C-alpha cells in the first residue's frame, strides 16, 4: 500500500473517500469542455483527445486513491503527463503556429524536465514534478493575453488556480492535526477547473487546419 496523503490512515479501498470522490471534478471538466466544443462546432479529433485524457485522469486518480497500489499510481500519473504533452503540442501548433520540429523539441524538453522532477519524490511532497507546468503555464498565459487571443485571460486564470491548488497539495500532510481529511481533495477540485480553463482557451481559438 502506498500511503502519501493525510486522509489515508489505514489500508482498504474506502480509506480515502473524499480524495477518491472529488475526482468527479475531472469528469465535470471533460463534460463542460465537450459541451463548449459542441456549441462552437469545435469537436475535432485533437480536442476529443484532450477531453478523453481528462476523463482518464479522473479515473486513474480515483483508482489510485482507492487501491493505493503501484499499478494504480501509474494510472494516476501517466494520463496527467500525457495531457500536458498533448496540450503543449496543440497550443504550439494551433495557437502559436510553430513548426513541427520546434513543437517536438519543446515536448522533448518538457518531458526531460518532468523526468528530472520525478527524481526527487520526497521534495515538496512530491510536487516538484509539476514545476515544468508551473513555469510553462504563465508563459503561455502571457502570450495568450498579449496576443489578444479569444478568452485572453483564461490561461492566466488557469495559472492562478493551479498555483493555489499546488499549495493545497503541498500542505496536505502538514495540516493533518487540524484537518483530518487533509487538503489534497482541493487539489483535485481546483485542477478540474484548471483543465477546463485550459481546454476552453484552445477550443475558443481553433484554427481551420489540423495540428
N, C-alpha and C. Protein backbone atom coordinates (compact mmCIF):
# COMPACT_ATOMS: atom_id res chain seq x y z
N UNK A 1 0.84 -1.20 0.00
CA UNK A 1 0.00 0.00 0.00
C UNK A 1 0.87 1.25 0.00
N UNK A 2 0.49 2.21 -0.81
CA UNK A 2 1.20 3.48 -0.86
C UNK A 2 0.41 4.50 -0.05
N UNK A 3 1.04 5.01 0.99
CA UNK A 3 0.38 5.97 1.88
C UNK A 3 1.05 7.33 1.74
N UNK A 4 0.42 8.21 0.96
CA UNK A 4 1.01 9.52 0.68
C UNK A 4 0.20 10.68 1.23
N UNK A 5 -1.05 10.44 1.59
CA UNK A 5 -1.94 11.55 1.88
C UNK A 5 -2.54 11.48 3.27
N UNK A 6 -2.87 12.62 3.78
CA UNK A 6 -3.36 12.77 5.15
C UNK A 6 -4.61 11.93 5.39
N UNK A 7 -5.50 11.87 4.42
CA UNK A 7 -6.78 11.20 4.64
C UNK A 7 -6.62 9.70 4.88
N UNK A 8 -5.59 9.09 4.29
CA UNK A 8 -5.40 7.64 4.45
C UNK A 8 -4.71 7.35 5.77
N UNK A 9 -5.42 6.73 6.68
CA UNK A 9 -4.86 6.37 7.99
C UNK A 9 -4.86 4.85 8.18
N UNK A 10 -5.35 4.11 7.17
CA UNK A 10 -5.39 2.65 7.26
C UNK A 10 -5.50 2.08 5.86
N UNK A 11 -5.14 0.80 5.69
CA UNK A 11 -5.34 0.17 4.38
C UNK A 11 -6.82 -0.03 4.09
N UNK A 12 -7.13 -0.31 2.85
CA UNK A 12 -8.53 -0.54 2.50
C UNK A 12 -8.97 0.31 1.33
N UNK A 13 -9.98 -0.16 0.62
CA UNK A 13 -10.46 0.53 -0.57
C UNK A 13 -11.19 1.83 -0.25
N UNK A 14 -11.72 1.95 0.96
CA UNK A 14 -12.51 3.13 1.31
C UNK A 14 -11.77 4.05 2.29
N UNK A 15 -10.45 3.97 2.31
CA UNK A 15 -9.68 4.77 3.27
C UNK A 15 -9.54 6.22 2.85
N UNK A 16 -9.76 6.52 1.56
CA UNK A 16 -9.66 7.90 1.08
C UNK A 16 -10.93 8.29 0.32
N UNK A 17 -12.07 8.30 0.97
CA UNK A 17 -13.32 8.57 0.24
C UNK A 17 -13.39 9.95 -0.38
N UNK A 18 -12.92 10.96 0.34
CA UNK A 18 -13.00 12.33 -0.20
C UNK A 18 -12.04 12.50 -1.36
N UNK A 19 -10.81 12.02 -1.18
CA UNK A 19 -9.83 12.12 -2.27
C UNK A 19 -10.30 11.37 -3.51
N UNK A 20 -10.96 10.24 -3.30
CA UNK A 20 -11.44 9.45 -4.44
C UNK A 20 -12.63 10.13 -5.12
N UNK A 21 -13.59 10.57 -4.34
CA UNK A 21 -14.83 11.11 -4.91
C UNK A 21 -14.63 12.45 -5.59
N UNK A 22 -13.69 13.26 -5.11
CA UNK A 22 -13.51 14.59 -5.70
C UNK A 22 -12.89 14.54 -7.09
N UNK A 23 -12.52 13.35 -7.55
CA UNK A 23 -12.06 13.23 -8.93
C UNK A 23 -13.18 13.43 -9.93
N UNK A 24 -14.40 13.52 -9.43
CA UNK A 24 -15.52 13.85 -10.31
C UNK A 24 -15.30 15.21 -10.96
N UNK A 25 -14.45 16.04 -10.37
CA UNK A 25 -14.14 17.35 -10.95
C UNK A 25 -13.56 17.22 -12.35
N UNK A 26 -12.79 16.16 -12.60
CA UNK A 26 -12.20 15.97 -13.92
C UNK A 26 -13.25 15.52 -14.93
N UNK A 27 -14.22 14.75 -14.47
CA UNK A 27 -15.32 14.35 -15.36
C UNK A 27 -16.18 15.57 -15.72
N UNK A 28 -16.40 16.43 -14.74
CA UNK A 28 -17.17 17.65 -15.00
C UNK A 28 -16.43 18.54 -15.98
N UNK A 29 -15.12 18.65 -15.81
CA UNK A 29 -14.31 19.46 -16.73
C UNK A 29 -14.40 18.91 -18.15
N UNK A 30 -14.35 17.59 -18.29
CA UNK A 30 -14.45 16.97 -19.60
C UNK A 30 -15.81 17.23 -20.22
N UNK A 31 -16.86 17.09 -19.42
CA UNK A 31 -18.22 17.33 -19.93
C UNK A 31 -18.39 18.79 -20.35
N UNK A 32 -17.89 19.72 -19.54
CA UNK A 32 -18.01 21.14 -19.85
C UNK A 32 -17.24 21.49 -21.12
N UNK A 33 -16.06 20.90 -21.29
CA UNK A 33 -15.27 21.16 -22.50
C UNK A 33 -15.96 20.58 -23.72
N UNK A 34 -16.52 19.39 -23.58
CA UNK A 34 -17.25 18.78 -24.69
C UNK A 34 -18.46 19.62 -25.07
N UNK A 35 -19.19 20.11 -24.07
CA UNK A 35 -20.36 20.95 -24.34
C UNK A 35 -19.96 22.22 -25.08
N UNK A 36 -18.86 22.84 -24.65
CA UNK A 36 -18.39 24.05 -25.31
C UNK A 36 -17.95 23.75 -26.74
N UNK A 37 -17.22 22.67 -26.93
CA UNK A 37 -16.76 22.31 -28.27
C UNK A 37 -17.93 22.03 -29.20
N UNK A 38 -18.95 21.39 -28.68
CA UNK A 38 -20.13 21.11 -29.50
C UNK A 38 -20.86 22.39 -29.86
N UNK A 39 -21.01 23.30 -28.89
CA UNK A 39 -21.71 24.56 -29.16
C UNK A 39 -20.96 25.41 -30.18
N UNK A 40 -19.65 25.38 -30.14
CA UNK A 40 -18.84 26.21 -31.03
C UNK A 40 -18.38 25.45 -32.27
N UNK A 41 -18.92 24.25 -32.46
CA UNK A 41 -18.57 23.41 -33.61
C UNK A 41 -17.06 23.19 -33.70
N UNK A 42 -16.47 22.91 -32.55
CA UNK A 42 -15.02 22.69 -32.49
C UNK A 42 -14.68 21.27 -32.06
N UNK A 43 -15.62 20.35 -32.26
CA UNK A 43 -15.38 18.96 -31.86
C UNK A 43 -14.51 18.30 -32.92
N UNK A 44 -13.20 18.34 -32.69
CA UNK A 44 -12.24 17.72 -33.60
C UNK A 44 -11.52 16.60 -32.87
N UNK A 45 -10.75 15.82 -33.62
CA UNK A 45 -10.07 14.67 -33.03
C UNK A 45 -9.08 15.09 -31.95
N UNK A 46 -8.38 16.20 -32.18
CA UNK A 46 -7.38 16.63 -31.19
C UNK A 46 -8.04 17.14 -29.91
N UNK A 47 -9.15 17.84 -30.04
CA UNK A 47 -9.87 18.28 -28.84
C UNK A 47 -10.49 17.08 -28.13
N UNK A 48 -10.99 16.14 -28.90
CA UNK A 48 -11.54 14.92 -28.30
C UNK A 48 -10.48 14.20 -27.47
N UNK A 49 -9.24 14.21 -27.95
CA UNK A 49 -8.16 13.55 -27.21
C UNK A 49 -7.97 14.20 -25.85
N UNK A 50 -8.00 15.53 -25.80
CA UNK A 50 -7.89 16.22 -24.51
C UNK A 50 -9.04 15.87 -23.58
N UNK A 51 -10.24 15.83 -24.14
CA UNK A 51 -11.41 15.51 -23.33
C UNK A 51 -11.31 14.09 -22.77
N UNK A 52 -10.91 13.16 -23.62
CA UNK A 52 -10.75 11.77 -23.18
C UNK A 52 -9.67 11.66 -22.11
N UNK A 53 -8.57 12.38 -22.30
CA UNK A 53 -7.50 12.36 -21.31
C UNK A 53 -7.96 12.93 -19.98
N UNK A 54 -8.84 13.93 -20.03
CA UNK A 54 -9.40 14.47 -18.78
C UNK A 54 -10.18 13.41 -18.02
N UNK A 55 -10.96 12.63 -18.77
CA UNK A 55 -11.72 11.54 -18.15
C UNK A 55 -10.78 10.49 -17.58
N UNK A 56 -9.75 10.15 -18.33
CA UNK A 56 -8.80 9.14 -17.88
C UNK A 56 -8.04 9.62 -16.65
N UNK A 57 -7.73 10.92 -16.60
CA UNK A 57 -7.08 11.48 -15.41
C UNK A 57 -7.95 11.26 -14.18
N UNK A 58 -9.23 11.57 -14.30
CA UNK A 58 -10.14 11.38 -13.18
C UNK A 58 -10.26 9.93 -12.77
N UNK A 59 -10.36 9.04 -13.76
CA UNK A 59 -10.49 7.61 -13.46
C UNK A 59 -9.21 7.07 -12.82
N UNK A 60 -8.06 7.46 -13.37
CA UNK A 60 -6.79 6.99 -12.84
C UNK A 60 -6.54 7.46 -11.42
N UNK A 61 -6.85 8.72 -11.16
CA UNK A 61 -6.67 9.26 -9.82
C UNK A 61 -7.62 8.59 -8.83
N UNK A 62 -8.85 8.36 -9.26
CA UNK A 62 -9.82 7.69 -8.38
C UNK A 62 -9.34 6.28 -8.03
N UNK A 63 -8.78 5.59 -9.01
CA UNK A 63 -8.26 4.25 -8.75
C UNK A 63 -7.10 4.28 -7.76
N UNK A 64 -6.23 5.27 -7.93
CA UNK A 64 -5.07 5.35 -7.03
C UNK A 64 -5.51 5.64 -5.60
N UNK A 65 -6.46 6.55 -5.44
CA UNK A 65 -6.91 6.89 -4.09
C UNK A 65 -7.83 5.82 -3.50
N UNK A 66 -8.20 4.85 -4.32
CA UNK A 66 -8.98 3.71 -3.83
C UNK A 66 -8.08 2.52 -3.49
N UNK A 67 -7.22 2.15 -4.43
CA UNK A 67 -6.39 0.96 -4.25
C UNK A 67 -5.02 1.26 -3.64
N UNK A 68 -4.48 2.46 -3.90
CA UNK A 68 -3.19 2.88 -3.34
C UNK A 68 -2.08 1.86 -3.60
N UNK A 69 -2.03 1.34 -4.82
CA UNK A 69 -1.01 0.37 -5.21
C UNK A 69 -0.15 0.96 -6.32
N UNK A 70 0.99 0.31 -6.58
CA UNK A 70 1.91 0.82 -7.58
C UNK A 70 1.30 0.93 -8.96
N UNK A 71 0.54 -0.09 -9.37
CA UNK A 71 -0.08 -0.05 -10.70
C UNK A 71 -1.08 1.10 -10.80
N UNK A 72 -1.79 1.37 -9.71
CA UNK A 72 -2.77 2.46 -9.71
C UNK A 72 -2.06 3.81 -9.75
N UNK A 73 -0.90 3.88 -9.14
CA UNK A 73 -0.14 5.14 -9.18
C UNK A 73 0.29 5.47 -10.61
N UNK A 74 0.65 4.44 -11.37
CA UNK A 74 0.99 4.66 -12.77
C UNK A 74 -0.21 5.19 -13.53
N UNK A 75 -1.38 4.59 -13.28
CA UNK A 75 -2.60 5.05 -13.94
C UNK A 75 -2.99 6.46 -13.51
N UNK A 76 -2.51 6.87 -12.36
CA UNK A 76 -2.76 8.23 -11.86
C UNK A 76 -1.84 9.23 -12.53
N UNK A 77 -0.57 8.89 -12.68
CA UNK A 77 0.43 9.86 -13.12
C UNK A 77 0.57 9.97 -14.64
N UNK A 78 0.50 8.84 -15.34
CA UNK A 78 0.75 8.86 -16.78
C UNK A 78 -0.27 9.71 -17.55
N UNK A 79 -1.59 9.58 -17.29
CA UNK A 79 -2.54 10.41 -18.04
C UNK A 79 -2.32 11.91 -17.83
N UNK A 80 -1.89 12.30 -16.63
CA UNK A 80 -1.62 13.72 -16.38
C UNK A 80 -0.50 14.21 -17.28
N UNK A 81 0.57 13.43 -17.37
CA UNK A 81 1.69 13.81 -18.22
C UNK A 81 1.28 13.83 -19.69
N UNK A 82 0.49 12.85 -20.11
CA UNK A 82 0.04 12.81 -21.50
C UNK A 82 -0.82 14.02 -21.83
N UNK A 83 -1.67 14.42 -20.90
CA UNK A 83 -2.49 15.62 -21.13
C UNK A 83 -1.59 16.84 -21.31
N UNK A 84 -0.59 16.98 -20.45
CA UNK A 84 0.31 18.13 -20.52
C UNK A 84 1.05 18.16 -21.85
N UNK A 85 1.56 17.01 -22.27
CA UNK A 85 2.33 16.95 -23.52
C UNK A 85 1.45 17.22 -24.73
N UNK A 86 0.26 16.63 -24.74
CA UNK A 86 -0.65 16.83 -25.87
C UNK A 86 -1.14 18.27 -25.93
N UNK A 87 -1.42 18.83 -24.76
CA UNK A 87 -1.87 20.23 -24.72
C UNK A 87 -0.77 21.15 -25.24
N UNK A 88 0.46 20.93 -24.81
CA UNK A 88 1.57 21.77 -25.26
C UNK A 88 1.74 21.66 -26.77
N UNK A 89 1.65 20.45 -27.29
CA UNK A 89 1.77 20.26 -28.74
C UNK A 89 0.67 21.04 -29.47
N UNK A 90 -0.57 20.90 -29.03
CA UNK A 90 -1.67 21.59 -29.69
C UNK A 90 -1.52 23.10 -29.60
N UNK A 91 -1.12 23.59 -28.44
CA UNK A 91 -1.01 25.04 -28.30
C UNK A 91 0.09 25.59 -29.20
N UNK A 92 1.22 24.92 -29.22
CA UNK A 92 2.32 25.40 -30.05
C UNK A 92 1.98 25.34 -31.53
N UNK A 93 1.28 24.30 -31.94
CA UNK A 93 0.96 24.15 -33.35
C UNK A 93 -0.26 24.96 -33.76
N UNK A 94 -1.29 24.99 -32.93
CA UNK A 94 -2.54 25.62 -33.33
C UNK A 94 -2.60 27.09 -32.99
N UNK A 95 -2.04 27.47 -31.86
CA UNK A 95 -2.18 28.86 -31.41
C UNK A 95 -0.97 29.70 -31.80
N UNK A 96 0.23 29.18 -31.57
CA UNK A 96 1.44 29.95 -31.91
C UNK A 96 1.96 29.63 -33.30
N UNK A 97 1.40 28.62 -33.96
CA UNK A 97 1.78 28.24 -35.33
C UNK A 97 3.26 27.89 -35.46
N UNK A 98 3.79 27.22 -34.46
CA UNK A 98 5.19 26.79 -34.52
C UNK A 98 5.34 25.61 -35.48
N UNK A 99 6.53 25.48 -36.05
CA UNK A 99 6.82 24.35 -36.92
C UNK A 99 6.84 23.05 -36.10
N UNK A 100 6.54 21.93 -36.74
CA UNK A 100 6.54 20.66 -36.00
C UNK A 100 7.85 20.37 -35.28
N UNK A 101 8.97 20.72 -35.90
CA UNK A 101 10.27 20.45 -35.27
C UNK A 101 10.42 21.22 -33.97
N UNK A 102 9.99 22.47 -33.96
CA UNK A 102 10.10 23.29 -32.75
C UNK A 102 9.15 22.76 -31.68
N UNK A 103 7.95 22.41 -32.09
CA UNK A 103 6.98 21.86 -31.13
C UNK A 103 7.50 20.55 -30.54
N UNK A 104 8.07 19.70 -31.39
CA UNK A 104 8.60 18.42 -30.91
C UNK A 104 9.76 18.63 -29.95
N UNK A 105 10.63 19.59 -30.25
CA UNK A 105 11.75 19.88 -29.36
C UNK A 105 11.25 20.39 -28.02
N UNK A 106 10.20 21.20 -28.05
CA UNK A 106 9.62 21.71 -26.81
C UNK A 106 9.02 20.57 -25.98
N UNK A 107 8.37 19.64 -26.66
CA UNK A 107 7.81 18.47 -25.98
C UNK A 107 8.93 17.67 -25.31
N UNK A 108 10.02 17.47 -26.05
CA UNK A 108 11.14 16.70 -25.51
C UNK A 108 11.74 17.39 -24.29
N UNK A 109 11.88 18.72 -24.36
CA UNK A 109 12.41 19.47 -23.23
C UNK A 109 11.50 19.39 -22.02
N UNK A 110 10.21 19.50 -22.27
CA UNK A 110 9.24 19.42 -21.17
C UNK A 110 9.28 18.04 -20.52
N UNK A 111 9.35 17.01 -21.36
CA UNK A 111 9.39 15.64 -20.85
C UNK A 111 10.65 15.40 -20.01
N UNK A 112 11.77 15.95 -20.47
CA UNK A 112 13.02 15.81 -19.72
C UNK A 112 12.92 16.51 -18.37
N UNK A 113 12.32 17.69 -18.35
CA UNK A 113 12.16 18.43 -17.10
C UNK A 113 11.24 17.69 -16.13
N UNK A 114 10.17 17.11 -16.67
CA UNK A 114 9.26 16.34 -15.82
C UNK A 114 9.95 15.11 -15.25
N UNK A 115 10.77 14.47 -16.07
CA UNK A 115 11.52 13.29 -15.60
C UNK A 115 12.49 13.69 -14.49
N UNK A 116 13.15 14.82 -14.66
CA UNK A 116 14.07 15.30 -13.63
C UNK A 116 13.33 15.55 -12.32
N UNK A 117 12.15 16.12 -12.41
CA UNK A 117 11.37 16.38 -11.21
C UNK A 117 10.98 15.12 -10.47
N UNK A 118 10.85 14.02 -11.20
CA UNK A 118 10.47 12.75 -10.58
C UNK A 118 11.60 12.13 -9.78
N UNK A 119 12.81 12.64 -9.95
CA UNK A 119 13.95 12.06 -9.25
C UNK A 119 14.01 12.50 -7.79
N UNK A 120 13.13 13.41 -7.40
CA UNK A 120 13.12 13.91 -6.03
C UNK A 120 11.71 13.77 -5.44
N UNK A 121 11.24 12.53 -5.28
CA UNK A 121 9.84 12.30 -4.86
C UNK A 121 9.52 12.80 -3.46
N UNK A 122 10.52 12.96 -2.61
CA UNK A 122 10.24 13.38 -1.24
C UNK A 122 10.39 14.90 -1.05
N UNK A 123 10.77 15.58 -2.10
CA UNK A 123 10.92 17.03 -2.02
C UNK A 123 9.59 17.70 -2.35
N UNK A 124 9.18 18.63 -1.49
CA UNK A 124 7.93 19.37 -1.70
C UNK A 124 6.73 18.42 -1.83
N UNK A 125 6.75 17.37 -1.03
CA UNK A 125 5.63 16.42 -1.01
C UNK A 125 5.37 15.83 -2.40
N UNK A 126 6.44 15.60 -3.16
CA UNK A 126 6.31 15.00 -4.48
C UNK A 126 5.80 15.94 -5.55
N UNK A 127 5.78 17.23 -5.27
CA UNK A 127 5.18 18.19 -6.21
C UNK A 127 6.19 18.79 -7.19
N UNK A 128 7.47 18.44 -7.04
CA UNK A 128 8.47 19.01 -7.93
C UNK A 128 8.23 18.61 -9.38
N UNK A 129 7.55 17.50 -9.58
CA UNK A 129 7.26 17.04 -10.93
C UNK A 129 6.37 18.03 -11.68
N UNK A 130 5.67 18.89 -10.93
CA UNK A 130 4.79 19.87 -11.56
C UNK A 130 5.47 21.21 -11.81
N UNK A 131 6.76 21.30 -11.49
CA UNK A 131 7.50 22.54 -11.73
C UNK A 131 7.49 22.96 -13.20
N UNK A 132 7.67 22.03 -14.16
CA UNK A 132 7.61 22.45 -15.56
C UNK A 132 6.28 23.10 -15.93
N UNK A 133 5.19 22.55 -15.42
CA UNK A 133 3.87 23.14 -15.69
C UNK A 133 3.75 24.52 -15.07
N UNK A 134 4.30 24.66 -13.87
CA UNK A 134 4.22 25.94 -13.17
C UNK A 134 5.03 27.02 -13.88
N UNK A 135 6.07 26.61 -14.59
CA UNK A 135 6.88 27.55 -15.36
C UNK A 135 6.23 27.84 -16.71
N UNK A 136 5.72 26.80 -17.35
CA UNK A 136 5.17 26.95 -18.69
C UNK A 136 3.85 27.70 -18.72
N UNK A 137 2.98 27.43 -17.76
CA UNK A 137 1.64 28.00 -17.81
C UNK A 137 1.61 29.52 -17.83
N UNK A 138 2.38 30.22 -16.98
CA UNK A 138 2.36 31.68 -17.08
C UNK A 138 2.94 32.19 -18.39
N UNK A 139 3.87 31.44 -18.98
CA UNK A 139 4.43 31.85 -20.28
C UNK A 139 3.35 31.79 -21.36
N UNK A 140 2.62 30.68 -21.40
CA UNK A 140 1.52 30.57 -22.35
C UNK A 140 0.43 31.58 -22.03
N UNK A 141 0.20 31.80 -20.74
CA UNK A 141 -0.81 32.76 -20.34
C UNK A 141 -0.49 34.18 -20.79
N UNK A 142 0.76 34.57 -20.65
CA UNK A 142 1.17 35.90 -21.09
C UNK A 142 1.06 36.03 -22.60
N UNK A 143 1.47 34.99 -23.31
CA UNK A 143 1.35 35.01 -24.78
C UNK A 143 -0.12 35.16 -25.17
N UNK A 144 -0.96 34.36 -24.55
CA UNK A 144 -2.39 34.38 -24.85
C UNK A 144 -2.97 35.78 -24.60
N UNK A 145 -2.53 36.39 -23.51
CA UNK A 145 -3.05 37.71 -23.14
C UNK A 145 -2.52 38.80 -24.07
N UNK A 146 -1.22 38.80 -24.30
CA UNK A 146 -0.59 39.86 -25.09
C UNK A 146 -0.97 39.79 -26.57
N UNK A 147 -1.28 38.58 -27.04
CA UNK A 147 -1.68 38.41 -28.43
C UNK A 147 -3.19 38.60 -28.63
N UNK A 148 -3.88 38.96 -27.56
CA UNK A 148 -5.32 39.23 -27.63
C UNK A 148 -6.10 38.05 -28.21
N UNK A 149 -5.75 36.86 -27.76
CA UNK A 149 -6.48 35.67 -28.19
C UNK A 149 -7.87 35.67 -27.56
N UNK A 150 -8.78 34.93 -28.17
CA UNK A 150 -10.11 34.80 -27.58
C UNK A 150 -9.98 34.20 -26.19
N UNK A 151 -10.72 34.78 -25.24
CA UNK A 151 -10.56 34.34 -23.86
C UNK A 151 -9.16 34.64 -23.37
N UNK A 152 -8.71 35.86 -23.59
CA UNK A 152 -7.30 36.20 -23.40
C UNK A 152 -6.82 36.01 -21.97
N UNK A 153 -7.71 36.02 -21.00
CA UNK A 153 -7.29 35.86 -19.60
C UNK A 153 -7.42 34.43 -19.09
N UNK A 154 -7.88 33.52 -19.94
CA UNK A 154 -8.17 32.17 -19.48
C UNK A 154 -6.94 31.45 -18.93
N UNK A 155 -5.83 31.52 -19.64
CA UNK A 155 -4.65 30.78 -19.21
C UNK A 155 -3.97 31.43 -18.01
N UNK A 156 -4.07 32.74 -17.91
CA UNK A 156 -3.55 33.39 -16.70
C UNK A 156 -4.41 33.00 -15.50
N UNK A 157 -5.71 32.91 -15.71
CA UNK A 157 -6.59 32.46 -14.63
C UNK A 157 -6.28 31.02 -14.26
N UNK A 158 -6.05 30.18 -15.28
CA UNK A 158 -5.70 28.79 -15.02
C UNK A 158 -4.40 28.69 -14.23
N UNK A 159 -3.45 29.57 -14.54
CA UNK A 159 -2.18 29.59 -13.82
C UNK A 159 -2.40 29.92 -12.35
N UNK A 160 -3.23 30.91 -12.08
CA UNK A 160 -3.51 31.29 -10.70
C UNK A 160 -4.19 30.18 -9.93
N UNK A 161 -5.15 29.53 -10.56
CA UNK A 161 -5.85 28.42 -9.90
C UNK A 161 -4.90 27.26 -9.66
N UNK A 162 -4.03 27.00 -10.63
CA UNK A 162 -3.06 25.92 -10.48
C UNK A 162 -2.10 26.18 -9.33
N UNK A 163 -1.67 27.42 -9.19
CA UNK A 163 -0.77 27.77 -8.09
C UNK A 163 -1.44 27.54 -6.74
N UNK A 164 -2.69 27.95 -6.64
CA UNK A 164 -3.44 27.73 -5.39
C UNK A 164 -3.60 26.24 -5.12
N UNK A 165 -3.92 25.48 -6.16
CA UNK A 165 -4.10 24.03 -5.99
C UNK A 165 -2.80 23.37 -5.56
N UNK A 166 -1.69 23.86 -6.07
CA UNK A 166 -0.40 23.29 -5.70
C UNK A 166 -0.09 23.53 -4.23
N UNK A 167 -0.50 24.68 -3.73
CA UNK A 167 -0.33 24.96 -2.30
C UNK A 167 -1.08 23.93 -1.47
N UNK A 168 -2.32 23.63 -1.86
CA UNK A 168 -3.11 22.64 -1.12
C UNK A 168 -2.48 21.25 -1.21
N UNK A 169 -1.86 20.94 -2.33
CA UNK A 169 -1.17 19.65 -2.46
C UNK A 169 0.05 19.60 -1.54
N UNK A 170 0.75 20.72 -1.44
CA UNK A 170 1.97 20.79 -0.63
C UNK A 170 1.70 20.66 0.86
N UNK A 171 0.61 21.26 1.33
CA UNK A 171 0.39 21.33 2.78
C UNK A 171 -0.45 20.18 3.31
N UNK A 172 -0.83 19.25 2.45
CA UNK A 172 -1.75 18.18 2.85
C UNK A 172 -1.32 17.49 4.15
N UNK A 173 -0.11 16.98 4.19
CA UNK A 173 0.33 16.23 5.36
C UNK A 173 0.62 17.13 6.56
N UNK A 174 0.86 18.40 6.31
CA UNK A 174 1.19 19.32 7.41
C UNK A 174 -0.03 19.75 8.21
N UNK A 175 -1.21 19.57 7.64
CA UNK A 175 -2.42 20.04 8.33
C UNK A 175 -3.24 18.89 8.90
N UNK A 176 -2.69 17.69 8.90
CA UNK A 176 -3.45 16.52 9.37
C UNK A 176 -4.00 16.70 10.78
N UNK A 177 -3.22 17.35 11.63
CA UNK A 177 -3.66 17.53 13.02
C UNK A 177 -4.85 18.46 13.13
N UNK A 178 -5.02 19.32 12.14
CA UNK A 178 -6.09 20.31 12.18
C UNK A 178 -7.25 19.95 11.24
N UNK A 179 -6.90 19.32 10.12
CA UNK A 179 -7.91 18.93 9.13
C UNK A 179 -7.71 17.45 8.82
N UNK A 180 -8.42 16.57 9.50
CA UNK A 180 -8.20 15.13 9.33
C UNK A 180 -8.29 14.64 7.88
N UNK A 181 -9.13 15.28 7.10
CA UNK A 181 -9.28 14.86 5.70
C UNK A 181 -8.15 15.38 4.83
N UNK A 182 -7.34 16.30 5.37
CA UNK A 182 -6.26 16.88 4.58
C UNK A 182 -6.78 17.89 3.58
N UNK A 183 -5.91 18.27 2.66
CA UNK A 183 -6.28 19.28 1.66
C UNK A 183 -6.07 18.78 0.23
N UNK A 184 -5.68 17.52 0.09
CA UNK A 184 -5.40 17.02 -1.26
C UNK A 184 -6.64 17.03 -2.14
N UNK A 185 -7.80 16.85 -1.54
CA UNK A 185 -9.03 16.84 -2.34
C UNK A 185 -9.25 18.18 -3.04
N UNK A 186 -8.75 19.26 -2.44
CA UNK A 186 -8.87 20.57 -3.08
C UNK A 186 -7.98 20.66 -4.32
N UNK A 187 -6.88 19.93 -4.30
CA UNK A 187 -6.02 19.81 -5.48
C UNK A 187 -6.81 19.23 -6.65
N UNK A 188 -7.63 18.23 -6.37
CA UNK A 188 -8.45 17.62 -7.41
C UNK A 188 -9.48 18.61 -7.95
N UNK A 189 -10.21 19.22 -7.05
CA UNK A 189 -11.28 20.13 -7.46
C UNK A 189 -10.74 21.29 -8.29
N UNK A 190 -9.68 21.91 -7.79
CA UNK A 190 -9.12 23.07 -8.48
C UNK A 190 -8.46 22.68 -9.80
N UNK A 191 -7.88 21.49 -9.86
CA UNK A 191 -7.27 21.07 -11.12
C UNK A 191 -8.31 20.72 -12.16
N UNK A 192 -9.50 20.33 -11.73
CA UNK A 192 -10.59 20.20 -12.68
C UNK A 192 -10.89 21.54 -13.34
N UNK A 193 -10.84 22.60 -12.54
CA UNK A 193 -11.04 23.96 -13.07
C UNK A 193 -9.91 24.31 -14.02
N UNK A 194 -8.67 23.98 -13.65
CA UNK A 194 -7.51 24.27 -14.49
C UNK A 194 -7.64 23.59 -15.85
N UNK A 195 -8.02 22.33 -15.84
CA UNK A 195 -8.16 21.61 -17.10
C UNK A 195 -9.24 22.23 -17.98
N UNK A 196 -10.36 22.61 -17.38
CA UNK A 196 -11.43 23.21 -18.19
C UNK A 196 -10.99 24.55 -18.77
N UNK A 197 -10.40 25.41 -17.96
CA UNK A 197 -9.96 26.71 -18.46
C UNK A 197 -8.94 26.55 -19.58
N UNK A 198 -8.04 25.59 -19.42
CA UNK A 198 -7.01 25.36 -20.44
C UNK A 198 -7.63 24.85 -21.74
N UNK A 199 -8.55 23.90 -21.63
CA UNK A 199 -9.21 23.40 -22.83
C UNK A 199 -10.08 24.47 -23.48
N UNK A 200 -10.71 25.29 -22.67
CA UNK A 200 -11.54 26.37 -23.21
C UNK A 200 -10.70 27.33 -24.05
N UNK A 201 -9.49 27.63 -23.58
CA UNK A 201 -8.60 28.53 -24.32
C UNK A 201 -8.28 27.97 -25.70
N UNK A 202 -8.11 26.66 -25.80
CA UNK A 202 -7.85 26.05 -27.10
C UNK A 202 -9.09 26.02 -27.97
N UNK A 203 -10.20 25.63 -27.39
CA UNK A 203 -11.43 25.50 -28.16
C UNK A 203 -11.86 26.83 -28.76
N UNK A 204 -11.72 27.90 -28.00
CA UNK A 204 -12.14 29.22 -28.49
C UNK A 204 -11.20 29.79 -29.54
N UNK A 205 -10.04 29.17 -29.71
CA UNK A 205 -9.06 29.69 -30.67
C UNK A 205 -8.68 28.65 -31.71
N UNK A 206 -9.62 27.80 -32.06
CA UNK A 206 -9.32 26.73 -33.00
C UNK A 206 -9.07 27.32 -34.39
N UNK A 207 -7.99 26.93 -35.05
CA UNK A 207 -7.74 27.36 -36.42
C UNK A 207 -8.43 26.43 -37.41
N UNK A 208 -8.34 26.76 -38.65
CA UNK A 208 -9.01 25.95 -39.67
C UNK A 208 -8.14 24.87 -40.25
N UNK A 209 -7.07 24.47 -39.55
CA UNK A 209 -6.21 23.40 -40.05
C UNK A 209 -5.84 22.47 -38.91
N UNK A 210 -5.54 21.22 -39.21
CA UNK A 210 -5.20 20.27 -38.15
C UNK A 210 -3.82 20.53 -37.59
N UNK A 211 -3.57 20.01 -36.38
CA UNK A 211 -2.26 20.15 -35.75
C UNK A 211 -1.33 19.07 -36.28
